[in-house]
Amino acid sequence: MNQPASTPATSSVARRPARWWLACAAVVVLLGAVWGVQKWRGPQVPAVQVHAQSLVRTLQFSARVETRSRVGVGSTVVGRVERVAVREGDTVEAGQLLVQLEQTELQAALLQSQASLEQAQAQLANVRTNSRIGNQAQVAQSQASLMQAQSDWTRNEKLVQQGFLSQATLDEKRKALQIAQAQLQAAQAQAAASADGGAELKAAQAQAGQAQAALSVARAKLDQTRITAPSQGKVLLRDVEPGQIVQPGTALLQLALEGPALIVAQVDERFLDQLREGQSAQVVADAFADQPLAARVVSIAPSVDAQRGAVEVKLALDAAPPAFLREDMTLSVAVETGRAAQALVLPLQALQGARAGSLQAQVLLLVDGKATAQPVQVGLRTLEAAEVTQGLKEGDTVLLPPARADQRVRAQLQGGAG
């Protein structure tokens, strides 16, 4: 029997599955091609593009406020406190009364010393007067005796020449004249010696000197009952009250003497190579964070504290300290220890094989879609970035981890090094 011929509708239905499979195969081939291209190009990795920018390195640490001179003020004598004239926080001037001790006993001792001095001075004046009068009388008498002996010798000399007296008589008168001259010289010498200070006069002078010294001591002790400020400053601590018995050597008040405020810090010795005198800094008090202060490093201790492994660094404010800055206040300090105005900067994670303190490192440079190792030389470093001084140029693309050397990669650019 002859089979019936197929109709056109039946032929169209048979061709539909074949087209669907062709479309699926095309999609698979396309996806495979895309996957192959992506596989050949490599994975995406983070990267940065090298640009010239400013790089500033700062060293941050905590510090405290100090003044150039902080002293304890106390008494030099034993006494009872009569009055305390200041309170903590008061500003005082040089010579201002801080503490007054009782004076009654010392005032009595001063009056007694004054009376003793007056008595010793009167005794000295009496000795001087009597000595002068006695010496003057002795000299006058010796002068009269000499004049009489001179007159007798002259008269007898004439009588001997006239033959009325013998030569022996004249010799006796000559001896009497010589004796009178010697007596006058002795009286004059005694008067001179008394004027310079005889034994009695010296004793009176010594007694007067002792009385004068005792008066000076009494006056000094009385003055010591007034404890005054050595110079202008501020009272930091008051540790004394009226009625208290004080002893020499005990600090009653703590004063911060007037002077530029210093900022003192203990910095880890590992960062000593970064610090230099004259470096600028910014200082912030935690309670006044919106009011930063400009400062400068003024001194670095020559030795290291072996117990803490730290070196003492002092900074001074560039301007007068504000009113809120107080003794022993804690501050945050950031010292600028390095600056590069125009530097090729990379994040530290881009450097490979860079040891601490070493200037040599390696980076992965994107060259024709491939991670290529490139040696570089490093300059200024911060905690997050480093300056590259040799090995790169502006516009280069540097790959970051997890990129590996000789790997085909695609760069996914990140933000700058910061």
Protein backbone atom coordinates (compact mmCIF):
# COMPACT_ATOMS: atom_id res chain seq x y z
CA MET A 1 0.00 0.00 0.00
CA ASN A 2 1.19 3.44 -0.61
CA GLN A 3 1.94 5.44 2.59
CA PRO A 4 0.30 8.81 2.87
CA ALA A 5 2.66 11.78 2.38
CA SER A 6 3.57 13.87 5.52
CA THR A 7 1.88 17.16 5.94
CA PRO A 8 3.82 20.53 6.36
CA ALA A 9 2.58 20.97 9.96
CA THR A 10 4.15 17.70 11.01
CA SER A 11 7.59 18.72 9.52
CA SER A 12 7.62 22.08 11.43
CA VAL A 13 7.07 20.35 14.77
CA ALA A 14 9.98 18.04 14.16
CA ARG A 15 12.41 20.91 13.49
CA ARG A 16 11.67 22.85 16.77
CA PRO A 17 13.67 20.61 19.19
CA ALA A 18 16.65 20.77 16.90
CA ARG A 19 16.72 24.59 16.98
CA TRP A 20 16.39 24.63 20.79
CA TRP A 21 19.35 22.36 21.16
CA LEU A 22 21.35 24.51 18.77
CA ALA A 23 20.57 27.62 20.85
CA CYS A 24 21.60 25.87 24.05
CA ALA A 25 24.81 24.71 22.48
CA ALA A 26 25.59 28.24 21.32
CA VAL A 27 25.05 29.61 24.83
CA VAL A 28 27.28 26.94 26.30
CA VAL A 29 29.98 27.68 23.76
CA LEU A 30 29.72 31.41 24.48
CA LEU A 31 29.92 30.91 28.25
CA GLY A 32 32.87 28.63 27.80
CA ALA A 33 34.60 31.21 25.67
CA VAL A 34 33.95 33.93 28.26
CA TRP A 35 35.15 31.65 31.04
CA GLY A 36 38.27 30.83 29.05
CA VAL A 37 39.04 34.48 28.42
CA GLN A 38 38.51 35.33 32.08
CA LYS A 39 40.65 32.38 33.08
CA TRP A 40 43.38 33.57 30.74
CA ARG A 41 43.17 37.17 32.01
CA GLY A 42 43.37 36.02 35.67
CA PRO A 43 41.45 37.02 38.84
CA GLN A 44 40.68 40.54 39.96
CA VAL A 45 43.00 41.84 42.71
CA PRO A 46 43.07 45.19 44.50
CA ALA A 47 45.58 47.71 43.17
CA VAL A 48 46.61 51.36 43.57
CA GLN A 49 47.88 53.80 41.01
CA VAL A 50 51.02 55.69 41.99
CA HIS A 51 50.60 59.46 42.31
CA ALA A 52 52.75 62.20 43.87
CA GLN A 53 51.29 63.51 47.10
CA SER A 54 52.27 64.94 50.48
CA LEU A 55 53.34 62.48 53.17
CA VAL A 56 53.62 63.46 56.84
CA ARG A 57 54.86 61.18 59.62
CA THR A 58 53.77 61.89 63.19
CA LEU A 59 54.67 60.29 66.50
CA GLN A 60 51.82 60.22 69.00
CA PHE A 61 52.06 59.78 72.74
CA SER A 62 50.57 60.98 76.03
CA ALA A 63 52.12 63.69 78.19
CA ARG A 64 51.49 65.79 81.28
CA VAL A 65 51.63 69.50 82.02
CA GLU A 66 54.43 70.74 84.25
CA THR A 67 55.91 74.14 85.06
CA ARG A 68 59.61 74.89 84.77
CA SER A 69 59.88 75.18 88.56
CA ARG A 70 57.73 73.45 91.18
CA VAL A 71 58.80 73.98 94.78
CA GLY A 72 57.72 73.07 98.27
CA VAL A 73 57.55 75.94 100.78
CA GLY A 74 58.02 75.26 104.49
CA SER A 75 59.19 76.74 107.78
CA THR A 76 62.80 77.07 108.93
CA VAL A 77 61.84 77.32 112.62
CA VAL A 78 59.64 75.36 114.99
CA GLY A 79 56.40 77.19 115.66
CA ARG A 80 52.62 77.19 115.87
CA VAL A 81 50.67 78.36 112.82
CA GLU A 82 48.72 81.52 113.55
CA ARG A 83 47.24 82.14 110.10
CA VAL A 84 47.28 80.67 106.58
CA ALA A 85 46.83 83.49 104.07
CA VAL A 86 46.28 81.51 100.82
CA ARG A 87 44.17 78.70 99.39
CA GLU A 88 44.80 76.14 96.67
CA GLY A 89 44.59 77.71 93.23
CA ASP A 90 45.51 81.23 94.44
CA THR A 91 47.99 83.24 92.39
CA VAL A 92 50.66 84.84 94.58
CA GLU A 93 53.27 87.54 94.06
CA ALA A 94 56.92 87.45 95.12
CA GLY A 95 57.21 88.23 98.85
CA GLN A 96 53.50 87.75 99.54
CA LEU A 97 52.65 86.29 102.95
CA LEU A 98 51.65 82.63 102.79
CA VAL A 99 51.75 81.43 106.41
CA GLN A 100 52.17 83.42 109.65
CA LEU A 101 53.59 81.69 112.76
CA GLU A 102 53.09 82.93 116.33
CA GLN A 103 55.62 85.66 117.26
CA THR A 104 55.11 86.36 121.00
CA GLU A 105 58.12 84.44 122.33
CA LEU A 106 60.45 85.61 119.57
CA GLN A 107 59.37 89.23 120.00
CA ALA A 108 60.32 89.00 123.71
CA ALA A 109 63.68 87.53 122.76
CA LEU A 110 64.20 90.40 120.33
CA LEU A 111 63.50 93.01 123.01
CA GLN A 112 65.90 91.28 125.39
CA SER A 113 68.63 91.26 122.75
CA GLN A 114 68.08 94.95 122.08
CA ALA A 115 68.46 95.74 125.80
CA SER A 116 71.66 93.66 126.03
CA LEU A 117 73.12 95.51 123.08
CA GLU A 118 72.33 98.91 124.58
CA GLN A 119 74.00 97.89 127.85
CA ALA A 120 77.11 96.59 126.05
CA GLN A 121 77.35 99.79 123.99
CA ALA A 122 77.08 101.94 127.12
CA GLN A 123 79.86 99.93 128.81
CA LEU A 124 82.03 100.30 125.74
CA ALA A 125 81.50 104.05 125.66
CA ASN A 126 82.40 104.30 129.38
CA VAL A 127 85.63 102.31 128.91
CA ARG A 128 86.61 104.46 125.98
CA THR A 129 85.94 107.69 127.90
CA ASN A 130 87.83 106.66 131.03
CA SER A 131 90.73 105.33 129.07
CA ARG A 132 91.01 108.52 127.04
CA ILE A 133 90.90 110.79 130.09
CA GLY A 134 93.51 108.74 132.00
CA ASN A 135 95.85 108.61 129.05
CA GLN A 136 95.53 112.31 128.40
CA ALA A 137 96.40 113.10 132.05
CA GLN A 138 99.43 110.81 131.99
CA VAL A 139 100.73 112.41 128.79
CA ALA A 140 100.19 115.91 130.21
CA GLN A 141 102.04 115.05 133.40
CA SER A 142 104.94 113.54 131.45
CA GLN A 143 105.09 116.63 129.25
CA ALA A 144 105.24 118.88 132.37
CA SER A 145 108.00 116.75 133.89
CA LEU A 146 109.97 116.95 130.63
CA MET A 147 109.62 120.74 130.50
CA GLN A 148 110.85 121.00 134.09
CA ALA A 149 113.80 118.71 133.44
CA GLN A 150 114.68 120.67 130.28
CA SER A 151 114.59 123.94 132.21
CA ASP A 152 116.77 122.58 135.05
CA TRP A 153 119.33 121.24 132.61
CA THR A 154 119.55 124.56 130.73
CA ARG A 155 119.98 126.61 133.91
CA ASN A 156 122.60 124.27 135.38
CA GLU A 157 124.51 124.25 132.09
CA LYS A 158 124.96 128.03 132.36
CA LEU A 159 126.00 127.81 136.01
CA VAL A 160 128.61 125.19 135.16
CA GLN A 161 129.98 127.42 132.42
CA GLN A 162 130.21 130.27 134.93
CA GLY A 163 131.96 128.00 137.43
CA PHE A 164 129.30 128.04 140.06
CA LEU A 165 128.49 124.30 139.77
CA SER A 166 130.54 121.22 139.09
CA GLN A 167 130.28 119.02 135.97
CA ALA A 168 128.86 116.18 138.05
CA THR A 169 125.79 118.25 138.89
CA LEU A 170 125.21 118.90 135.20
CA ASP A 171 125.47 115.18 134.48
CA GLU A 172 122.72 114.45 137.00
CA LYS A 173 120.44 117.02 135.33
CA ARG A 174 121.14 115.43 131.95
CA LYS A 175 120.06 112.04 133.31
CA ALA A 176 116.89 113.57 134.76
CA LEU A 177 116.12 115.11 131.33
CA GLN A 178 116.59 111.77 129.61
CA ILE A 179 114.30 110.07 132.12
CA ALA A 180 111.59 112.70 131.56
CA GLN A 181 111.84 112.22 127.80
CA ALA A 182 111.48 108.44 128.18
CA GLN A 183 108.46 108.86 130.46
CA LEU A 184 106.74 111.10 127.90
CA GLN A 185 107.38 108.60 125.12
CA ALA A 186 105.97 105.80 127.29
CA ALA A 187 102.85 107.83 128.12
CA GLN A 188 102.29 108.66 124.46
CA ALA A 189 102.78 105.02 123.45
CA GLN A 190 100.27 103.91 126.10
CA ALA A 191 97.75 106.47 124.89
CA ALA A 192 98.18 105.27 121.32
CA ALA A 193 97.81 101.65 122.37
CA SER A 194 94.67 102.45 124.31
CA ALA A 195 93.23 104.23 121.29
CA ASP A 196 93.87 101.07 119.20
CA GLY A 197 92.27 98.90 121.90
CA GLY A 198 93.58 97.95 125.22
CA ALA A 199 92.62 94.78 127.04
CA GLU A 200 89.66 96.37 128.80
CA LEU A 201 88.56 98.17 125.67
CA LYS A 202 88.83 95.01 123.59
CA ALA A 203 86.74 93.09 126.09
CA ALA A 204 84.06 95.78 125.96
CA GLN A 205 84.12 95.76 122.17
CA ALA A 206 83.77 91.96 122.09
CA GLN A 207 80.82 92.10 124.43
CA ALA A 208 79.12 94.71 122.26
CA GLY A 209 79.75 92.58 119.15
CA GLN A 210 78.20 89.54 120.78
CA ALA A 211 75.15 91.56 121.75
CA GLN A 212 74.82 92.84 118.18
CA ALA A 213 75.04 89.30 116.80
CA ALA A 214 72.42 88.06 119.27
CA LEU A 215 70.12 90.86 118.17
CA SER A 216 70.59 89.90 114.49
CA VAL A 217 69.77 86.27 115.28
CA ALA A 218 66.65 87.25 117.20
CA ARG A 219 65.51 89.53 114.38
CA ALA A 220 66.15 86.80 111.79
CA LYS A 221 64.13 84.24 113.77
CA LEU A 222 61.28 86.72 114.07
CA ASP A 223 61.38 87.30 110.31
CA GLN A 224 61.25 83.53 109.76
CA THR A 225 57.79 83.40 111.32
CA ARG A 226 56.58 85.02 108.08
CA ILE A 227 56.64 82.37 105.32
CA THR A 228 56.46 84.20 102.01
CA ALA A 229 56.35 83.30 98.30
CA PRO A 230 59.83 83.10 96.74
CA SER A 231 58.47 84.45 93.43
CA GLN A 232 55.27 84.84 91.46
CA GLY A 233 53.35 81.59 91.05
CA LYS A 234 50.26 79.54 91.87
CA VAL A 235 49.40 77.49 94.96
CA LEU A 236 49.01 73.85 93.94
CA LEU A 237 48.72 72.20 97.34
CA ARG A 238 48.00 73.48 100.87
CA ASP A 239 48.98 71.07 103.64
CA VAL A 240 48.82 73.33 106.71
CA GLU A 241 46.09 74.73 108.98
CA PRO A 242 46.00 77.28 111.84
CA GLY A 243 47.06 75.84 115.19
CA GLN A 244 49.32 73.23 113.63
CA ILE A 245 52.86 72.82 115.01
CA VAL A 246 55.33 72.90 112.13
CA GLN A 247 58.87 71.61 111.98
CA PRO A 248 61.79 72.74 109.77
CA GLY A 249 62.11 70.78 106.54
CA THR A 250 58.40 69.95 106.17
CA ALA A 251 56.70 71.28 103.04
CA LEU A 252 53.54 73.17 103.95
CA LEU A 253 52.62 74.43 100.48
CA GLN A 254 53.39 73.37 96.91
CA LEU A 255 53.90 76.25 94.47
CA ALA A 256 54.17 76.25 90.70
CA LEU A 257 56.44 79.22 90.11
CA GLU A 258 55.60 81.54 87.25
CA GLY A 259 57.18 80.46 83.97
CA PRO A 260 56.44 78.84 80.63
CA ALA A 261 54.38 75.66 80.92
CA LEU A 262 56.24 72.51 79.88
CA ILE A 263 54.73 69.35 78.45
CA VAL A 264 56.64 66.30 79.67
CA ALA A 265 56.29 62.81 78.24
CA GLN A 266 57.96 59.42 78.55
CA VAL A 267 58.44 58.16 74.97
CA ASP A 268 59.35 54.57 74.09
CA GLU A 269 63.05 54.38 73.28
CA ARG A 270 62.23 52.61 69.98
CA PHE A 271 61.20 55.97 68.53
CA LEU A 272 64.23 57.90 69.73
CA ASP A 273 65.71 58.04 66.21
CA GLN A 274 62.66 60.00 65.00
CA LEU A 275 62.84 62.77 67.60
CA ARG A 276 64.80 66.00 67.22
CA GLU A 277 64.83 69.24 69.18
CA GLY A 278 62.85 71.96 67.41
CA GLN A 279 60.26 69.62 65.85
CA SER A 280 56.74 71.05 65.71
CA ALA A 281 53.85 69.32 67.47
CA GLN A 282 50.15 69.59 68.13
CA VAL A 283 48.85 69.22 71.68
CA VAL A 284 45.27 68.42 72.65
CA ALA A 285 43.71 68.19 76.09
CA ASP A 286 41.10 65.44 76.16
CA ALA A 287 38.58 67.70 77.89
CA PHE A 288 39.12 70.47 75.31
CA ALA A 289 39.61 68.50 72.11
CA ASP A 290 38.34 71.37 69.95
CA GLN A 291 41.17 73.65 71.09
CA PRO A 292 44.48 72.20 69.80
CA LEU A 293 47.69 73.95 70.84
CA ALA A 294 50.88 74.41 68.85
CA ALA A 295 54.08 73.30 70.59
CA ARG A 296 57.71 72.48 69.89
CA VAL A 297 60.20 69.91 71.21
CA VAL A 298 62.68 71.76 73.45
CA SER A 299 64.69 68.96 75.04
CA ILE A 300 65.33 65.22 74.86
CA ALA A 301 66.88 63.55 77.89
CA PRO A 302 70.44 62.29 77.31
CA SER A 303 69.72 59.03 79.11
CA VAL A 304 67.05 56.32 78.96
CA ASP A 305 65.02 55.18 81.96
CA ALA A 306 66.13 51.55 82.27
CA GLN A 307 63.03 50.54 84.26
CA ARG A 308 60.52 51.81 81.71
CA GLY A 309 62.62 51.72 78.55
CA ALA A 310 61.61 55.30 77.85
CA VAL A 311 63.26 58.66 77.27
CA GLU A 312 61.93 61.93 78.73
CA VAL A 313 60.87 64.48 76.11
CA LYS A 314 59.88 68.05 76.94
CA LEU A 315 57.85 70.40 74.75
CA ALA A 316 57.00 74.08 75.13
CA LEU A 317 53.90 75.83 73.83
CA ASP A 318 54.41 78.37 71.06
CA ALA A 319 51.96 80.80 72.70
CA ALA A 320 50.90 81.64 76.24
CA PRO A 321 49.10 78.70 77.87
CA PRO A 322 45.29 78.99 77.92
CA ALA A 323 43.38 79.25 81.17
CA PHE A 324 42.13 75.66 80.98
CA LEU A 325 45.65 74.19 80.99
CA ARG A 326 46.40 72.99 84.51
CA GLU A 327 49.28 71.37 86.32
CA ASP A 328 49.47 67.56 85.80
CA MET A 329 46.72 67.60 83.12
CA THR A 330 46.97 64.69 80.67
CA LEU A 331 47.52 65.69 77.03
CA SER A 332 47.69 63.92 73.67
CA VAL A 333 50.73 64.95 71.64
CA ALA A 334 51.44 64.44 67.94
CA VAL A 335 54.99 65.39 66.93
CA GLU A 336 55.73 65.85 63.24
CA THR A 337 58.85 63.72 62.76
CA GLY A 338 59.04 63.70 58.96
CA ARG A 339 57.52 65.36 55.88
CA ALA A 340 57.80 64.85 52.11
CA ALA A 341 56.04 67.53 50.06
CA GLN A 342 55.79 65.54 46.80
CA ALA A 343 56.36 61.81 47.19
CA LEU A 344 55.33 58.63 45.40
CA VAL A 345 53.35 56.99 48.18
CA LEU A 346 52.26 53.37 48.58
CA PRO A 347 50.32 51.64 51.37
CA LEU A 348 52.57 49.45 53.50
CA GLN A 349 50.68 46.32 52.41
CA ALA A 350 52.00 46.86 48.88
CA LEU A 351 55.60 46.35 50.04
CA GLN A 352 57.01 42.84 50.11
CA GLY A 353 60.15 41.73 51.92
CA ALA A 354 60.57 45.09 53.68
CA ARG A 355 62.19 44.60 57.07
CA ALA A 356 61.90 47.18 59.84
CA GLY A 357 64.41 49.95 59.18
CA SER A 358 65.39 48.55 55.77
CA LEU A 359 65.35 50.82 52.72
CA GLN A 360 64.99 47.92 50.24
CA ALA A 361 61.66 46.31 49.35
CA GLN A 362 59.74 44.80 46.44
CA VAL A 363 56.33 45.51 44.89
CA LEU A 364 54.18 43.76 42.26
CA LEU A 365 53.81 45.97 39.22
CA LEU A 366 51.06 45.36 36.64
CA VAL A 367 52.79 44.89 33.26
CA ASP A 368 50.71 43.64 30.26
CA GLY A 369 48.15 42.05 32.57
CA LYS A 370 50.75 40.21 34.61
CA ALA A 371 52.05 40.72 38.18
CA THR A 372 55.73 41.53 37.78
CA ALA A 373 58.15 41.81 40.73
CA GLN A 374 59.80 45.23 40.91
CA PRO A 375 62.54 46.16 43.47
CA VAL A 376 62.10 49.62 45.01
CA GLN A 377 63.87 51.85 47.51
CA VAL A 378 61.84 53.17 50.45
CA GLY A 379 62.19 56.54 52.13
CA LEU A 380 59.88 58.10 54.72
CA ARG A 381 57.50 55.67 56.45
CA THR A 382 54.35 56.14 58.49
CA LEU A 383 52.19 53.55 60.22
CA GLU A 384 50.13 53.12 57.04
CA ALA A 385 52.19 54.24 54.05
CA ALA A 386 55.70 54.64 52.73
CA GLU A 387 57.51 56.87 50.27
CA VAL A 388 59.10 55.15 47.27
CA THR A 389 62.23 57.02 46.20
CA GLN A 390 63.41 54.67 43.43
CA GLY A 391 61.89 51.94 41.24
CA LEU A 392 58.51 53.50 40.36
CA LYS A 393 57.15 56.39 38.35
CA GLU A 394 53.91 58.30 38.56
CA GLY A 395 51.01 56.45 36.94
CA ASP A 396 52.32 52.92 37.60
CA THR A 397 49.77 50.39 38.87
CA VAL A 398 50.93 48.48 41.94
CA LEU A 399 49.09 45.33 42.97
CA LEU A 400 48.08 44.51 46.53
CA PRO A 401 47.66 41.13 48.22
CA PRO A 402 46.55 38.49 47.37
CA ALA A 403 48.34 39.07 44.04
CA ARG A 404 51.35 36.81 43.43
CA ALA A 405 54.39 37.27 41.21
CA ASP A 406 54.09 36.03 37.58
CA GLN A 407 50.31 35.68 37.93
CA ARG A 408 47.97 37.04 35.27
CA VAL A 409 45.59 39.39 37.07
CA ARG A 410 43.11 42.14 36.53
CA ALA A 411 43.58 45.32 38.60
CA GLN A 412 40.73 46.63 40.69
CA LEU A 413 41.88 50.16 41.62
CA GLN A 414 41.45 51.20 45.22
CA GLY A 415 41.68 54.63 46.88
CA GLY A 416 45.00 56.43 47.39
CA ALA A 417 47.70 55.46 49.88
CA GLY A 418 46.56 58.13 52.32
